[in-house]
Amino acid sequence: MPEPVVLVLDADPSPRLGRLTGRARVLRTGPAGLGDRLPEADVLLVWDFTSDAVREAWPGPGARPGWVHTASAGVDRLLCPELVASDTVVTNARGIFERPIAEYVAGLVLAFAKDLPTTLALQRERRWHHREGQQVAGSRAVVVGAGPIGREITRLLHGLGVQVALVGRTARRTIHGIEDLGPLAARADWVISAVPLTPSTYGMFDTRFFGLLQPSARFINVGRGASVVEADLVSALERRWLAGAALDVFDAEPLDEDSPLWDVPGLLVSPHLSGDTVGWRDRLGEQFVTMYELWADGGPLPNVVDKQRGYVPSTDNSAEEEGASPE
């Protein structure tokens, strides 16, 4: 029986797949060659998860892999109508990014509360200017997106003494439904987005939403860039409708050097790094190899994406996986 073919949509550095030696034939391609190589692949590993190549190449002629795995939490750059309608199983990298992203959010909350950006700026100016910081314990946060990332953020903020309301697609147990978002956000000190990008979350944070917030509130987005109407956020910050914001994801990445976002007062810009800690690529590669071994042995795959919803559905009925998708 021939070895299954694993096609890697590659990026630098390439994944370490040595454990597949003797179990699979590994082929590598860039975006330009993906369409021609898809028909010979049994499995597609989307290592270059910043590329739109899968969505563009999938509708072409020939056979298609039965399993597609993306080395990312989000799948919005993969899904096209033809892939959604197919029998191909799509999986994601759930389990890799949750804790690092939650730590990053907790760091932002502390940095904002203690006004660390101003402290660093004053140090560069050699200025001594005493100020009072905000106490984090007892403050209120709304985490939008009740999947594993949102829940890990909630756990860490609880550890800091923050009162957290977690908002998901539908209400259940300790999860608020999307209909509660407005009233909760209006009372929050921190609003954190961890939503996936779906038709219902596209542009959900807009002028209307930012107009609900307290002038002392901060907004943090570690979900998907296109969930925020960036021009509306810029306007809201300039009008001081809210005290500050932090964006780790953007509608277009990398952020253009001419983007007005770089210079908005009160806005902290980071280059989509909240989930990337030392060794993260190795962990992604190891995860894929472990999943491949399950697949090759006929076992069930974890992290299977509901292609209609665009995220991994809940398995424990305690929360909506990967996001708050208003319907």
Protein backbone atom coordinates (compact mmCIF):
# COMPACT_ATOMS: atom_id res chain seq x y z
CA MET A 1 0.00 0.00 0.00
CA PRO A 2 1.54 3.36 -1.00
CA GLU A 3 2.39 5.87 1.69
CA PRO A 4 -0.15 8.66 2.10
CA VAL A 5 0.92 11.98 0.63
CA VAL A 6 1.15 14.93 2.99
CA LEU A 7 1.29 18.22 1.11
CA VAL A 8 2.66 21.17 3.08
CA LEU A 9 1.76 24.72 2.14
CA ASP A 10 5.16 25.79 3.35
CA ALA A 11 6.61 28.83 5.06
CA ASP A 12 9.99 29.64 6.53
CA PRO A 13 10.94 27.98 8.82
CA SER A 14 9.44 24.70 7.61
CA PRO A 15 7.79 22.30 10.04
CA ARG A 16 9.84 19.46 11.47
CA LEU A 17 8.10 16.30 10.28
CA GLY A 18 10.86 13.73 10.80
CA ARG A 19 8.53 11.45 12.74
CA LEU A 20 6.55 10.91 9.54
CA THR A 21 9.50 9.18 7.85
CA GLY A 22 8.28 5.81 6.62
CA ARG A 23 4.66 6.74 7.34
CA ALA A 24 4.04 9.44 4.75
CA ARG A 25 5.51 11.00 1.65
CA VAL A 26 5.91 14.70 2.41
CA LEU A 27 5.71 17.21 -0.42
CA ARG A 28 6.15 20.94 -0.04
CA THR A 29 4.81 23.79 -2.13
CA GLY A 30 4.37 27.53 -2.08
CA PRO A 31 1.13 29.35 -2.86
CA ALA A 32 1.79 29.45 -6.62
CA GLY A 33 2.10 25.67 -6.92
CA LEU A 34 -0.67 24.66 -4.54
CA GLY A 35 -3.42 24.23 -7.13
CA ASP A 36 -1.32 21.83 -9.23
CA ARG A 37 -0.30 19.70 -6.23
CA LEU A 38 -3.65 19.40 -4.45
CA PRO A 39 -4.92 16.43 -6.52
CA GLU A 40 -2.05 14.19 -5.40
CA ALA A 41 -2.41 14.96 -1.67
CA ASP A 42 -4.22 12.86 0.90
CA VAL A 43 -3.55 15.43 3.62
CA LEU A 44 -2.86 19.15 3.40
CA LEU A 45 -0.92 20.88 6.18
CA VAL A 46 -1.44 24.62 5.96
CA TRP A 47 1.79 25.72 7.59
CA ASP A 48 1.61 29.14 5.94
CA PHE A 49 -1.62 30.07 7.69
CA THR A 50 -1.30 33.72 6.67
CA SER A 51 -1.86 32.79 3.02
CA ASP A 52 -5.16 32.84 1.11
CA ALA A 53 -3.80 30.20 -1.29
CA VAL A 54 -6.08 27.38 -0.12
CA ARG A 55 -9.22 29.44 -0.57
CA GLU A 56 -8.04 30.47 -4.04
CA ALA A 57 -6.81 27.05 -5.23
CA TRP A 58 -9.47 24.75 -3.80
CA PRO A 59 -12.17 25.38 -6.45
CA GLY A 60 -9.86 24.05 -9.21
CA PRO A 61 -10.07 20.70 -11.04
CA GLY A 62 -9.02 17.29 -9.75
CA ALA A 63 -9.22 15.39 -6.49
CA ARG A 64 -8.86 17.13 -3.16
CA PRO A 65 -7.32 16.00 0.17
CA GLY A 66 -9.64 14.33 2.64
CA TRP A 67 -8.11 16.19 5.55
CA VAL A 68 -6.86 19.77 5.85
CA HIS A 69 -5.07 20.91 8.99
CA THR A 70 -4.17 24.54 9.61
CA ALA A 71 -1.43 25.52 12.05
CA SER A 72 -3.62 28.31 13.41
CA ALA A 73 -6.67 28.82 15.57
CA GLY A 74 -8.67 30.67 12.90
CA VAL A 75 -9.84 29.06 9.67
CA ASP A 76 -11.33 32.07 7.89
CA ARG A 77 -8.42 32.26 5.42
CA LEU A 78 -9.10 28.69 4.30
CA LEU A 79 -12.80 28.38 3.91
CA CYS A 80 -14.46 28.84 0.54
CA PRO A 81 -17.88 27.54 -0.55
CA GLU A 82 -16.35 24.53 -2.32
CA LEU A 83 -14.34 23.46 0.74
CA VAL A 84 -17.29 24.00 3.05
CA ALA A 85 -19.52 21.85 0.82
CA SER A 86 -16.95 19.07 0.46
CA ASP A 87 -16.42 15.97 2.60
CA THR A 88 -12.95 17.16 3.56
CA VAL A 89 -12.32 17.31 7.29
CA VAL A 90 -10.77 20.57 8.52
CA THR A 91 -8.89 20.75 11.82
CA ASN A 92 -7.12 23.59 13.62
CA ALA A 93 -4.36 24.12 16.18
CA ARG A 94 -6.55 24.39 19.22
CA GLY A 95 -4.51 23.80 22.37
CA ILE A 96 -1.40 25.70 21.30
CA PHE A 97 -2.28 29.37 21.58
CA GLU A 98 -4.79 29.69 24.42
CA ARG A 99 -2.45 30.23 27.37
CA PRO A 100 0.02 32.54 25.59
CA ILE A 101 -2.79 34.76 24.31
CA ALA A 102 -4.41 34.88 27.74
CA GLU A 103 -1.08 35.87 29.31
CA TYR A 104 -0.69 38.60 26.70
CA VAL A 105 -4.14 39.99 27.47
CA ALA A 106 -3.43 39.91 31.21
CA GLY A 107 -0.20 41.79 30.53
CA LEU A 108 -2.05 44.45 28.55
CA VAL A 109 -4.62 44.88 31.31
CA LEU A 110 -1.87 45.37 33.87
CA ALA A 111 0.10 47.69 31.59
CA PHE A 112 -2.93 49.88 30.95
CA ALA A 113 -4.00 49.91 34.60
CA LYS A 114 -0.54 50.90 35.81
CA ASP A 115 0.01 53.31 32.89
CA LEU A 116 3.26 51.63 31.85
CA PRO A 117 3.27 53.19 28.33
CA THR A 118 3.41 56.65 29.89
CA THR A 119 6.08 55.56 32.36
CA LEU A 120 8.30 54.35 29.51
CA ALA A 121 7.72 57.55 27.55
CA LEU A 122 8.56 59.69 30.58
CA GLN A 123 11.72 57.69 31.23
CA ARG A 124 12.91 58.37 27.68
CA GLU A 125 12.29 62.08 28.37
CA ARG A 126 14.04 61.85 31.80
CA ARG A 127 10.92 63.29 33.41
CA TRP A 128 9.74 62.51 36.94
CA HIS A 129 5.95 62.72 36.96
CA HIS A 130 4.06 61.00 39.75
CA ARG A 131 0.66 59.51 38.88
CA GLU A 132 -1.90 57.17 40.34
CA GLY A 133 -2.61 53.82 38.74
CA GLN A 134 -5.79 51.80 38.59
CA GLN A 135 -6.39 48.79 40.82
CA VAL A 136 -7.12 45.77 38.64
CA ALA A 137 -8.80 43.70 41.34
CA GLY A 138 -12.48 44.59 41.43
CA SER A 139 -12.57 45.99 37.91
CA ARG A 140 -15.01 44.62 35.32
CA ALA A 141 -14.21 42.90 32.05
CA VAL A 142 -16.25 41.54 29.18
CA VAL A 143 -14.61 38.80 27.13
CA VAL A 144 -16.34 38.38 23.78
CA GLY A 145 -15.80 34.90 22.39
CA ALA A 146 -16.45 31.95 24.69
CA GLY A 147 -14.18 29.45 22.98
CA PRO A 148 -11.00 28.04 24.52
CA ILE A 149 -9.06 31.29 24.09
CA GLY A 150 -11.81 33.39 25.64
CA ARG A 151 -12.20 30.97 28.51
CA GLU A 152 -8.47 30.94 29.24
CA ILE A 153 -8.48 34.76 29.23
CA THR A 154 -11.37 34.63 31.67
CA ARG A 155 -9.48 32.27 33.99
CA LEU A 156 -6.39 34.48 34.11
CA LEU A 157 -8.35 37.66 34.68
CA HIS A 158 -10.27 35.96 37.49
CA GLY A 159 -6.89 35.23 39.04
CA LEU A 160 -6.18 38.97 39.05
CA GLY A 161 -9.45 39.63 40.85
CA VAL A 162 -11.26 40.96 37.79
CA GLN A 163 -15.01 40.40 37.55
CA VAL A 164 -15.44 38.82 34.13
CA ALA A 165 -18.55 38.36 32.01
CA LEU A 166 -17.97 35.87 29.20
CA VAL A 167 -20.12 36.38 26.10
CA GLY A 168 -20.78 33.60 23.59
CA ARG A 169 -22.99 32.99 20.60
CA THR A 170 -25.84 31.80 22.78
CA ALA A 171 -26.49 31.96 26.53
CA ARG A 172 -25.71 28.86 28.59
CA ARG A 173 -24.78 28.25 32.20
CA THR A 174 -22.18 30.91 33.06
CA ILE A 175 -22.02 32.22 29.48
CA HIS A 176 -23.94 35.32 28.41
CA GLY A 177 -25.60 35.41 25.01
CA ILE A 178 -24.67 37.98 22.40
CA GLU A 179 -27.84 39.92 23.22
CA ASP A 180 -26.25 40.82 26.59
CA LEU A 181 -23.09 42.31 25.07
CA GLY A 182 -24.28 45.91 24.88
CA PRO A 183 -25.42 46.31 28.51
CA LEU A 184 -22.35 44.45 29.79
CA ALA A 185 -19.91 46.48 27.70
CA ALA A 186 -21.47 49.73 28.89
CA ARG A 187 -20.38 48.93 32.46
CA ALA A 188 -17.00 47.36 31.67
CA ASP A 189 -13.51 48.64 32.35
CA TRP A 190 -12.08 46.15 29.84
CA VAL A 191 -13.63 44.76 26.67
CA ILE A 192 -11.61 41.91 25.14
CA SER A 193 -12.44 40.39 21.76
CA ALA A 194 -11.46 36.78 21.08
CA VAL A 195 -14.03 36.10 18.35
CA PRO A 196 -13.44 34.14 15.14
CA LEU A 197 -14.17 35.82 11.83
CA THR A 198 -17.58 34.76 10.60
CA PRO A 199 -20.27 36.65 8.67
CA SER A 200 -21.88 37.58 11.97
CA THR A 201 -18.71 38.90 13.62
CA TYR A 202 -17.40 40.87 10.65
CA GLY A 203 -17.35 44.54 11.66
CA MET A 204 -19.21 43.91 14.92
CA PHE A 205 -17.09 46.45 16.84
CA ASP A 206 -18.11 49.72 15.22
CA THR A 207 -19.16 53.27 16.05
CA ARG A 208 -22.37 52.07 17.65
CA PHE A 209 -20.46 49.66 19.89
CA PHE A 210 -17.70 52.06 20.89
CA GLY A 211 -20.34 54.65 21.71
CA LEU A 212 -21.62 52.33 24.44
CA LEU A 213 -18.35 52.25 26.37
CA GLN A 214 -17.39 54.28 29.41
CA PRO A 215 -14.78 57.02 28.82
CA SER A 216 -12.47 55.07 31.17
CA ALA A 217 -12.81 51.75 29.30
CA ARG A 218 -10.13 49.99 27.25
CA PHE A 219 -10.72 47.73 24.25
CA ILE A 220 -8.39 44.82 23.38
CA ASN A 221 -8.59 42.69 20.22
CA VAL A 222 -6.75 39.36 20.01
CA GLY A 223 -9.41 37.70 17.84
CA ARG A 224 -9.67 38.71 14.20
CA GLY A 225 -8.83 42.09 12.73
CA ALA A 226 -11.86 42.37 10.47
CA SER A 227 -14.20 42.14 13.46
CA VAL A 228 -13.22 45.76 14.20
CA VAL A 229 -14.12 48.70 11.97
CA GLU A 230 -10.72 50.31 12.37
CA ALA A 231 -11.77 53.78 11.20
CA ASP A 232 -14.54 53.76 13.81
CA LEU A 233 -12.09 52.81 16.55
CA VAL A 234 -9.71 55.59 15.48
CA SER A 235 -12.56 58.11 15.60
CA ALA A 236 -13.73 56.87 18.99
CA LEU A 237 -10.23 57.18 20.47
CA GLU A 238 -9.74 60.64 18.99
CA ARG A 239 -13.05 61.73 20.48
CA ARG A 240 -12.04 60.12 23.81
CA TRP A 241 -15.09 57.89 23.88
CA LEU A 242 -12.79 55.35 25.54
CA ALA A 243 -9.47 55.63 27.36
CA GLY A 244 -7.40 53.34 25.19
CA ALA A 245 -7.18 50.25 23.03
CA ALA A 246 -4.75 47.53 22.00
CA LEU A 247 -4.85 45.72 18.67
CA ASP A 248 -2.81 42.59 17.99
CA VAL A 249 -4.74 41.71 14.81
CA PHE A 250 -5.69 43.88 11.86
CA ASP A 251 -7.91 43.90 8.81
CA ALA A 252 -4.80 43.86 6.58
CA GLU A 253 -1.50 42.41 7.78
CA PRO A 254 1.25 43.40 7.98
CA LEU A 255 0.06 46.85 8.93
CA ASP A 256 1.12 49.37 6.32
CA GLU A 257 3.68 51.89 7.51
CA ASP A 258 1.36 54.67 6.37
CA SER A 259 -1.58 53.39 8.41
CA PRO A 260 -3.11 56.01 10.72
CA LEU A 261 -3.29 53.36 13.44
CA TRP A 262 0.38 53.82 14.29
CA ASP A 263 -0.19 57.36 15.57
CA VAL A 264 -3.57 57.19 17.31
CA PRO A 265 -3.33 58.46 20.90
CA GLY A 266 -4.07 55.71 23.38
CA LEU A 267 -3.73 52.86 20.86
CA LEU A 268 -1.15 50.12 21.38
CA VAL A 269 -0.23 48.27 18.17
CA SER A 270 1.45 44.84 18.21
CA PRO A 271 2.26 42.67 15.15
CA HIS A 272 -0.01 39.64 15.69
CA LEU A 273 2.27 38.11 18.29
CA SER A 274 0.03 37.47 21.29
CA GLY A 275 0.06 33.69 20.80
CA ASP A 276 3.67 33.31 19.69
CA THR A 277 6.04 32.22 22.44
CA VAL A 278 9.47 30.60 22.19
CA GLY A 279 9.09 27.15 20.63
CA TRP A 280 5.59 27.69 19.28
CA ARG A 281 6.43 26.42 15.79
CA ASP A 282 7.88 23.21 17.22
CA ARG A 283 4.72 22.69 19.25
CA LEU A 284 2.60 23.20 16.11
CA GLY A 285 4.65 20.64 14.21
CA GLU A 286 4.46 18.12 17.03
CA GLN A 287 0.71 18.59 17.25
CA PHE A 288 0.26 17.88 13.54
CA VAL A 289 2.43 14.75 13.66
CA THR A 290 0.44 13.41 16.63
CA MET A 291 -2.80 14.09 14.78
CA TYR A 292 -1.44 12.45 11.63
CA GLU A 293 -0.62 9.30 13.58
CA LEU A 294 -4.21 9.19 14.85
CA TRP A 295 -5.52 9.70 11.31
CA ALA A 296 -3.23 7.05 9.80
CA ASP A 297 -4.30 4.53 12.43
CA GLY A 298 -7.96 5.20 11.72
CA GLY A 299 -8.63 7.04 14.95
CA PRO A 300 -10.87 10.10 15.37
CA LEU A 301 -9.29 13.48 14.83
CA PRO A 302 -9.49 16.19 17.51
CA ASN A 303 -10.13 19.86 16.77
CA VAL A 304 -12.57 19.20 13.92
CA VAL A 305 -13.97 22.48 12.60
CA ASP A 306 -17.66 22.93 11.90
CA LYS A 307 -17.17 24.38 8.42
CA GLN A 308 -20.59 26.00 8.39
CA ARG A 309 -19.91 27.87 11.64
CA GLY A 310 -16.22 28.44 11.03
CA TYR A 311 -14.90 27.18 14.38
CA VAL A 312 -14.62 24.05 16.54
CA PRO A 313 -17.96 23.37 18.23
CA SER A 314 -18.22 22.76 21.94
CA THR A 315 -17.72 19.23 23.20
CA ASP A 316 -18.59 19.86 26.84
CA ASN A 317 -21.65 22.09 26.42
CA SER A 318 -20.10 24.61 28.78
CA ALA A 319 -19.36 27.23 26.13
CA GLU A 320 -19.49 27.99 22.45
CA GLU A 321 -16.11 27.07 21.03
CA GLU A 322 -14.04 29.81 19.44
CA GLY A 323 -16.38 32.71 19.52
CA ALA A 324 -19.42 34.85 19.86
CA SER A 325 -21.17 34.64 16.53
CA PRO A 326 -24.46 36.53 16.64
CA GLU A 327 -27.15 34.82 14.62
